Amino acid sequence: MNPAKRRQIFERLRERNPDPRGELQYSTPFELLVAVVLSAQATDKSVNLATARLFPVANTPQALLALGEEKLISYIQTIGLFRTKAKNVMGLCRALLEEHGGVVPANLEALTKLPGVGRKTANVVLNIAFRQPTIAVDTHIFRVANRTGLAPGATVGEVERRLMKFTPDEFRLNAHHWLILHGRYICQARKPLCGVCPIVDLCEYRRKDLTAGLPASP
């Protein structure tokens, strides 16, 4: 895919959604960090339902440690892998207090040293909480980047490197949101809704169904 086509893709995504936002609910960088850790292999909706009960009770490292792991589990047990996630949340709370004064660090290296925080989670926090132009490659972005030809790669790391290289500077801050939302609602895994896709003429996917997503004929 050439640079002009990539620019057009981002211009159209920006035109449809000039100020994109993530769907996880939070009010502080720490709340966002916990929510993203909980969201691994879970829906944002399920995480939001759990954190809507949890955060009014405990939304700081100190408060969560005081709450304790078993009590935390009672709030998040509707989310997949809740026991592992509870252990990781407790661990990252301790690490934040011991190594960062209870403050979420705003750099990739420090974030990825926290329990349960991988590169994708760290990039989400840096992008959303600290407005850094990172691109966190999840399953949606990996699929969209490969299917459209925007930044194909065999691994998550390769797709991230290519997106960071090929995405024009003016779009990089919001690229993460645009591509996730596009993958979640239009370029879906089982059947992309090519009939309502705003970039269908720019996309290099060869098996397009231009009727997918359109209303059925009466």
C-alpha atoms as a PDB file:
ATOM      1  CA  MET A   1       0.000   0.000   0.000  1.00  0.00           C
ATOM      2  CA  ASN A   2       1.375   3.400  -0.959  1.00  0.00           C
ATOM      3  CA  PRO A   3       1.622   6.449   1.347  1.00  0.00           C
ATOM      4  CA  ALA A   4      -1.158   8.357  -0.445  1.00  0.00           C
ATOM      5  CA  LYS A   5      -3.633   5.529   0.112  1.00  0.00           C
ATOM      6  CA  ARG A   6      -2.668   5.226   3.781  1.00  0.00           C
ATOM      7  CA  ARG A   7      -3.218   8.935   4.247  1.00  0.00           C
ATOM      8  CA  GLN A   8      -6.647   8.690   2.637  1.00  0.00           C
ATOM      9  CA  ILE A   9      -7.608   5.857   4.978  1.00  0.00           C
ATOM     10  CA  PHE A  10      -6.752   7.883   8.067  1.00  0.00           C
ATOM     11  CA  GLU A  11      -8.381  11.013   6.649  1.00  0.00           C
ATOM     12  CA  ARG A  12     -11.654   9.136   6.196  1.00  0.00           C
ATOM     13  CA  LEU A  13     -11.498   7.546   9.636  1.00  0.00           C
ATOM     14  CA  ARG A  14     -10.839  10.985  11.127  1.00  0.00           C
ATOM     15  CA  GLU A  15     -13.708  12.524   9.168  1.00  0.00           C
ATOM     16  CA  ARG A  16     -16.128   9.947  10.612  1.00  0.00           C
ATOM     17  CA  ASN A  17     -14.777  10.246  14.152  1.00  0.00           C
ATOM     18  CA  PRO A  18     -12.702  13.414  14.709  1.00  0.00           C
ATOM     19  CA  ASP A  19     -12.223  12.885  18.451  1.00  0.00           C
ATOM     20  CA  PRO A  20     -12.177   9.118  19.117  1.00  0.00           C
ATOM     21  CA  ARG A  21     -12.244   7.716  22.628  1.00  0.00           C
ATOM     22  CA  GLY A  22     -11.652   4.313  24.157  1.00  0.00           C
ATOM     23  CA  GLU A  23     -14.634   2.453  25.587  1.00  0.00           C
ATOM     24  CA  LEU A  24     -13.159   1.584  28.985  1.00  0.00           C
ATOM     25  CA  GLN A  25     -14.485   3.840  31.742  1.00  0.00           C
ATOM     26  CA  TYR A  26     -11.964   5.484  34.073  1.00  0.00           C
ATOM     27  CA  SER A  27     -11.205   8.790  35.774  1.00  0.00           C
ATOM     28  CA  THR A  28      -7.474   8.512  36.614  1.00  0.00           C
ATOM     29  CA  PRO A  29      -4.402   6.915  35.000  1.00  0.00           C
ATOM     30  CA  PHE A  30      -4.440   4.276  37.743  1.00  0.00           C
ATOM     31  CA  GLU A  31      -8.068   3.367  37.090  1.00  0.00           C
ATOM     32  CA  LEU A  32      -7.260   3.101  33.379  1.00  0.00           C
ATOM     33  CA  LEU A  33      -4.261   0.866  34.071  1.00  0.00           C
ATOM     34  CA  VAL A  34      -6.343  -1.496  36.210  1.00  0.00           C
ATOM     35  CA  ALA A  35      -9.167  -1.524  33.650  1.00  0.00           C
ATOM     36  CA  VAL A  36      -6.794  -2.373  30.788  1.00  0.00           C
ATOM     37  CA  VAL A  37      -5.186  -5.185  32.804  1.00  0.00           C
ATOM     38  CA  LEU A  38      -8.667  -6.566  33.519  1.00  0.00           C
ATOM     39  CA  SER A  39      -9.684  -6.271  29.853  1.00  0.00           C
ATOM     40  CA  ALA A  40      -7.283  -8.923  28.555  1.00  0.00           C
ATOM     41  CA  GLN A  41      -9.399 -11.613  26.859  1.00  0.00           C
ATOM     42  CA  ALA A  42     -12.541  -9.864  28.103  1.00  0.00           C
ATOM     43  CA  THR A  43     -14.950  -7.298  26.689  1.00  0.00           C
ATOM     44  CA  ASP A  44     -14.792  -3.651  27.649  1.00  0.00           C
ATOM     45  CA  LYS A  45     -18.459  -3.905  28.609  1.00  0.00           C
ATOM     46  CA  SER A  46     -17.793  -6.646  31.164  1.00  0.00           C
ATOM     47  CA  VAL A  47     -14.861  -4.698  32.609  1.00  0.00           C
ATOM     48  CA  ASN A  48     -16.920  -1.512  32.878  1.00  0.00           C
ATOM     49  CA  LEU A  49     -19.657  -3.362  34.764  1.00  0.00           C
ATOM     50  CA  ALA A  50     -17.098  -4.683  37.263  1.00  0.00           C
ATOM     51  CA  THR A  51     -15.140  -1.460  37.731  1.00  0.00           C
ATOM     52  CA  ALA A  52     -18.363   0.535  38.181  1.00  0.00           C
ATOM     53  CA  ARG A  53     -18.739  -1.422  41.439  1.00  0.00           C
ATOM     54  CA  LEU A  54     -15.052  -1.667  42.308  1.00  0.00           C
ATOM     55  CA  PHE A  55     -13.720   1.861  41.802  1.00  0.00           C
ATOM     56  CA  PRO A  56     -16.141   3.638  44.173  1.00  0.00           C
ATOM     57  CA  VAL A  57     -14.817   1.288  46.880  1.00  0.00           C
ATOM     58  CA  ALA A  58     -11.120   1.174  45.928  1.00  0.00           C
ATOM     59  CA  ASN A  59      -9.450   3.140  43.134  1.00  0.00           C
ATOM     60  CA  THR A  60      -5.896   3.725  44.395  1.00  0.00           C
ATOM     61  CA  PRO A  61      -2.998   1.295  44.959  1.00  0.00           C
ATOM     62  CA  GLN A  62      -3.319   1.775  48.724  1.00  0.00           C
ATOM     63  CA  ALA A  63      -7.059   1.162  48.740  1.00  0.00           C
ATOM     64  CA  LEU A  64      -6.856  -1.942  46.566  1.00  0.00           C
ATOM     65  CA  LEU A  65      -4.134  -3.464  48.720  1.00  0.00           C
ATOM     66  CA  ALA A  66      -6.237  -2.737  51.791  1.00  0.00           C
ATOM     67  CA  LEU A  67      -9.212  -4.372  50.089  1.00  0.00           C
ATOM     68  CA  GLY A  68      -7.223  -7.575  49.586  1.00  0.00           C
ATOM     69  CA  GLU A  69      -7.064 -10.148  46.820  1.00  0.00           C
ATOM     70  CA  GLU A  70     -10.082 -12.239  47.831  1.00  0.00           C
ATOM     71  CA  LYS A  71     -12.324  -9.209  48.176  1.00  0.00           C
ATOM     72  CA  LEU A  72     -11.073  -7.914  44.822  1.00  0.00           C
ATOM     73  CA  ILE A  73     -12.038 -11.248  43.266  1.00  0.00           C
ATOM     74  CA  SER A  74     -15.615 -10.752  44.467  1.00  0.00           C
ATOM     75  CA  TYR A  75     -15.806  -7.622  42.309  1.00  0.00           C
ATOM     76  CA  ILE A  76     -14.158  -9.016  39.159  1.00  0.00           C
ATOM     77  CA  GLN A  77     -15.219 -12.686  39.117  1.00  0.00           C
ATOM     78  CA  THR A  78     -17.527 -12.057  36.152  1.00  0.00           C
ATOM     79  CA  ILE A  79     -14.410 -11.334  34.051  1.00  0.00           C
ATOM     80  CA  GLY A  80     -12.352 -14.116  32.473  1.00  0.00           C
ATOM     81  CA  LEU A  81      -9.101 -15.158  34.175  1.00  0.00           C
ATOM     82  CA  PHE A  82     -10.184 -13.223  37.260  1.00  0.00           C
ATOM     83  CA  ARG A  83      -7.885 -15.026  39.716  1.00  0.00           C
ATOM     84  CA  THR A  84      -4.750 -14.364  37.676  1.00  0.00           C
ATOM     85  CA  LYS A  85      -5.846 -10.781  37.095  1.00  0.00           C
ATOM     86  CA  ALA A  86      -6.519 -10.221  40.794  1.00  0.00           C
ATOM     87  CA  LYS A  87      -3.019 -11.461  41.621  1.00  0.00           C
ATOM     88  CA  ASN A  88      -1.520  -9.168  38.966  1.00  0.00           C
ATOM     89  CA  VAL A  89      -3.486  -6.138  40.179  1.00  0.00           C
ATOM     90  CA  MET A  90      -2.256  -6.723  43.709  1.00  0.00           C
ATOM     91  CA  GLY A  91       1.284  -7.056  42.405  1.00  0.00           C
ATOM     92  CA  LEU A  92       1.191  -3.905  40.334  1.00  0.00           C
ATOM     93  CA  CYS A  93      -0.281  -1.975  43.287  1.00  0.00           C
ATOM     94  CA  ARG A  94       2.648  -3.038  45.458  1.00  0.00           C
ATOM     95  CA  ALA A  95       5.147  -2.203  42.725  1.00  0.00           C
ATOM     96  CA  LEU A  96       3.624   1.235  42.165  1.00  0.00           C
ATOM     97  CA  LEU A  97       3.846   2.048  45.859  1.00  0.00           C
ATOM     98  CA  GLU A  98       7.338   0.644  46.353  1.00  0.00           C
ATOM     99  CA  GLU A  99       8.936   1.919  43.144  1.00  0.00           C
ATOM    100  CA  HIS A 100       6.888   4.892  41.922  1.00  0.00           C
ATOM    101  CA  GLY A 101       5.337   6.499  44.972  1.00  0.00           C
ATOM    102  CA  GLY A 102       1.920   5.188  44.013  1.00  0.00           C
ATOM    103  CA  VAL A 103       1.962   7.091  40.699  1.00  0.00           C
ATOM    104  CA  VAL A 104       1.527   5.409  37.306  1.00  0.00           C
ATOM    105  CA  PRO A 105       4.765   5.974  35.352  1.00  0.00           C
ATOM    106  CA  ALA A 106       4.508   7.615  31.945  1.00  0.00           C
ATOM    107  CA  ASN A 107       7.117   5.546  30.136  1.00  0.00           C
ATOM    108  CA  LEU A 108       7.040   2.184  28.420  1.00  0.00           C
ATOM    109  CA  GLU A 109       9.977   0.548  30.198  1.00  0.00           C
ATOM    110  CA  ALA A 110       8.645   1.249  33.691  1.00  0.00           C
ATOM    111  CA  LEU A 111       5.107   0.214  32.825  1.00  0.00           C
ATOM    112  CA  THR A 112       6.106  -3.116  31.298  1.00  0.00           C
ATOM    113  CA  LYS A 113       7.980  -4.037  34.473  1.00  0.00           C
ATOM    114  CA  LEU A 114       4.710  -3.979  36.428  1.00  0.00           C
ATOM    115  CA  PRO A 115       2.996  -7.356  37.036  1.00  0.00           C
ATOM    116  CA  GLY A 116       0.406  -8.150  34.371  1.00  0.00           C
ATOM    117  CA  VAL A 117       1.427  -5.221  32.157  1.00  0.00           C
ATOM    118  CA  GLY A 118       2.666  -6.168  28.694  1.00  0.00           C
ATOM    119  CA  ARG A 119       3.611  -3.918  25.823  1.00  0.00           C
ATOM    120  CA  LYS A 120       0.046  -3.629  24.520  1.00  0.00           C
ATOM    121  CA  THR A 121      -1.352  -2.617  27.919  1.00  0.00           C
ATOM    122  CA  ALA A 122       1.475  -0.132  28.436  1.00  0.00           C
ATOM    123  CA  ASN A 123       0.888   1.445  25.023  1.00  0.00           C
ATOM    124  CA  VAL A 124      -2.834   1.816  25.724  1.00  0.00           C
ATOM    125  CA  VAL A 125      -2.102   3.627  29.004  1.00  0.00           C
ATOM    126  CA  LEU A 126       0.553   5.849  27.412  1.00  0.00           C
ATOM    127  CA  ASN A 127      -1.758   6.743  24.550  1.00  0.00           C
ATOM    128  CA  ILE A 128      -4.971   7.377  26.471  1.00  0.00           C
ATOM    129  CA  ALA A 129      -3.805   8.609  29.866  1.00  0.00           C
ATOM    130  CA  PHE A 130      -0.673  10.465  28.809  1.00  0.00           C
ATOM    131  CA  ARG A 131      -1.554  11.401  25.200  1.00  0.00           C
ATOM    132  CA  GLN A 132       1.555   9.813  23.746  1.00  0.00           C
ATOM    133  CA  PRO A 133       1.411   8.773  20.049  1.00  0.00           C
ATOM    134  CA  THR A 134       1.706   5.038  20.681  1.00  0.00           C
ATOM    135  CA  ILE A 135      -0.193   2.317  18.832  1.00  0.00           C
ATOM    136  CA  ALA A 136      -1.244  -0.680  20.907  1.00  0.00           C
ATOM    137  CA  VAL A 137      -1.781  -3.654  18.615  1.00  0.00           C
ATOM    138  CA  ASP A 138      -4.616  -5.879  19.796  1.00  0.00           C
ATOM    139  CA  THR A 139      -6.456  -8.549  17.802  1.00  0.00           C
ATOM    140  CA  HIS A 140      -8.617  -5.932  16.047  1.00  0.00           C
ATOM    141  CA  ILE A 141      -5.692  -3.783  14.926  1.00  0.00           C
ATOM    142  CA  PHE A 142      -3.652  -6.836  13.915  1.00  0.00           C
ATOM    143  CA  ARG A 143      -6.546  -8.025  11.737  1.00  0.00           C
ATOM    144  CA  VAL A 144      -7.277  -4.622  10.176  1.00  0.00           C
ATOM    145  CA  ALA A 145      -3.613  -3.889   9.458  1.00  0.00           C
ATOM    146  CA  ASN A 146      -3.186  -7.216   7.673  1.00  0.00           C
ATOM    147  CA  ARG A 147      -6.556  -7.496   5.950  1.00  0.00           C
ATOM    148  CA  THR A 148      -6.548  -3.993   4.501  1.00  0.00           C
ATOM    149  CA  GLY A 149      -2.855  -3.982   3.627  1.00  0.00           C
ATOM    150  CA  LEU A 150      -2.312  -0.908   5.787  1.00  0.00           C
ATOM    151  CA  ALA A 151       0.630  -2.413   7.694  1.00  0.00           C
ATOM    152  CA  PRO A 152       0.836  -6.174   7.184  1.00  0.00           C
ATOM    153  CA  GLY A 153       3.002  -8.245   9.484  1.00  0.00           C
ATOM    154  CA  ALA A 154       3.309 -11.797  10.768  1.00  0.00           C
ATOM    155  CA  THR A 155       3.554 -10.766  14.422  1.00  0.00           C
ATOM    156  CA  VAL A 156       2.057  -8.133  16.697  1.00  0.00           C
ATOM    157  CA  GLY A 157       5.481  -6.534  17.053  1.00  0.00           C
ATOM    158  CA  GLU A 158       5.978  -6.325  13.311  1.00  0.00           C
ATOM    159  CA  VAL A 159       2.553  -4.732  12.791  1.00  0.00           C
ATOM    160  CA  GLU A 160       3.260  -2.195  15.549  1.00  0.00           C
ATOM    161  CA  ARG A 161       6.616  -1.245  14.009  1.00  0.00           C
ATOM    162  CA  ARG A 162       5.098  -0.832  10.563  1.00  0.00           C
ATOM    163  CA  LEU A 163       2.139   1.199  11.816  1.00  0.00           C
ATOM    164  CA  MET A 164       4.480   3.513  13.724  1.00  0.00           C
ATOM    165  CA  LYS A 165       6.627   3.874  10.601  1.00  0.00           C
ATOM    166  CA  PHE A 166       3.861   4.290   8.024  1.00  0.00           C
ATOM    167  CA  THR A 167       1.248   6.316   9.936  1.00  0.00           C
ATOM    168  CA  PRO A 168       1.644  10.046   9.239  1.00  0.00           C
ATOM    169  CA  ASP A 169       2.473  12.058  12.360  1.00  0.00           C
ATOM    170  CA  GLU A 170      -0.815  13.967  12.389  1.00  0.00           C
ATOM    171  CA  PHE A 171      -2.816  10.733  12.703  1.00  0.00           C
ATOM    172  CA  ARG A 172      -0.595   8.766  15.085  1.00  0.00           C
ATOM    173  CA  LEU A 173      -2.160   9.908  18.365  1.00  0.00           C
ATOM    174  CA  ASN A 174      -5.636   8.704  17.367  1.00  0.00           C
ATOM    175  CA  ALA A 175      -4.706   5.820  15.038  1.00  0.00           C
ATOM    176  CA  HIS A 176      -5.018   3.325  17.902  1.00  0.00           C
ATOM    177  CA  HIS A 177      -8.666   4.252  18.529  1.00  0.00           C
ATOM    178  CA  TRP A 178      -9.685   4.516  14.884  1.00  0.00           C
ATOM    179  CA  LEU A 179      -8.295   1.098  13.994  1.00  0.00           C
ATOM    180  CA  ILE A 180      -9.708  -0.669  17.059  1.00  0.00           C
ATOM    181  CA  LEU A 181     -13.173   0.774  16.509  1.00  0.00           C
ATOM    182  CA  HIS A 182     -13.000  -0.034  12.806  1.00  0.00           C
ATOM    183  CA  GLY A 183     -12.077  -3.633  13.602  1.00  0.00           C
ATOM    184  CA  ARG A 184     -14.661  -3.957  16.345  1.00  0.00           C
ATOM    185  CA  TYR A 185     -17.644  -2.613  14.426  1.00  0.00           C
ATOM    186  CA  ILE A 186     -16.886  -2.755  10.672  1.00  0.00           C
ATOM    187  CA  CYS A 187     -13.918  -4.958   9.777  1.00  0.00           C
ATOM    188  CA  GLN A 188     -15.094  -7.791  11.996  1.00  0.00           C
ATOM    189  CA  ALA A 189     -13.279 -11.100  12.257  1.00  0.00           C
ATOM    190  CA  ARG A 190     -15.824 -13.525  10.823  1.00  0.00           C
ATOM    191  CA  LYS A 191     -17.499 -11.304   8.277  1.00  0.00           C
ATOM    192  CA  PRO A 192     -16.264  -7.793   7.503  1.00  0.00           C
ATOM    193  CA  LEU A 193     -19.121  -5.394   6.781  1.00  0.00           C
ATOM    194  CA  CYS A 194     -17.689  -4.226   3.472  1.00  0.00           C
ATOM    195  CA  GLY A 195     -21.021  -2.806   2.328  1.00  0.00           C
ATOM    196  CA  VAL A 196     -20.884  -0.056   4.966  1.00  0.00           C
ATOM    197  CA  CYS A 197     -17.108   0.348   5.182  1.00  0.00           C
ATOM    198  CA  PRO A 198     -15.862   3.929   4.665  1.00  0.00           C
ATOM    199  CA  ILE A 199     -12.526   2.746   3.257  1.00  0.00           C
ATOM    200  CA  VAL A 200     -13.729  -0.167   1.118  1.00  0.00           C
ATOM    201  CA  ASP A 201     -12.319   1.318  -2.099  1.00  0.00           C
ATOM    202  CA  LEU A 202      -8.908   1.825  -0.473  1.00  0.00           C
ATOM    203  CA  CYS A 203      -8.722  -1.553   1.251  1.00  0.00           C
ATOM    204  CA  GLU A 204      -6.681  -4.282  -0.460  1.00  0.00           C
ATOM    205  CA  TYR A 205      -8.707  -7.227   0.879  1.00  0.00           C
ATOM    206  CA  ARG A 206      -9.453  -9.493  -2.086  1.00  0.00           C
ATOM    207  CA  ARG A 207     -12.610 -11.246  -0.850  1.00  0.00           C
ATOM    208  CA  LYS A 208     -14.885  -8.260  -0.314  1.00  0.00           C
ATOM    209  CA  ASP A 209     -18.615  -8.795  -0.015  1.00  0.00           C
ATOM    210  CA  LEU A 210     -20.025  -5.380  -0.944  1.00  0.00           C
ATOM    211  CA  THR A 211     -23.478  -6.387   0.326  1.00  0.00           C
ATOM    212  CA  ALA A 212     -22.312  -7.269   3.841  1.00  0.00           C
ATOM    213  CA  GLY A 213     -23.806  -4.883   6.370  1.00  0.00           C
ATOM    214  CA  LEU A 214     -26.347  -3.377   4.007  1.00  0.00           C
ATOM    215  CA  PRO A 215     -30.074  -3.585   4.874  1.00  0.00           C
ATOM    216  CA  ALA A 216     -31.828  -6.561   3.327  1.00  0.00           C
ATOM    217  CA  SER A 217     -33.902  -5.783   0.257  1.00  0.00           C
ATOM    218  CA  PRO A 218     -37.648  -5.595   0.927  1.00  0.00           C
END
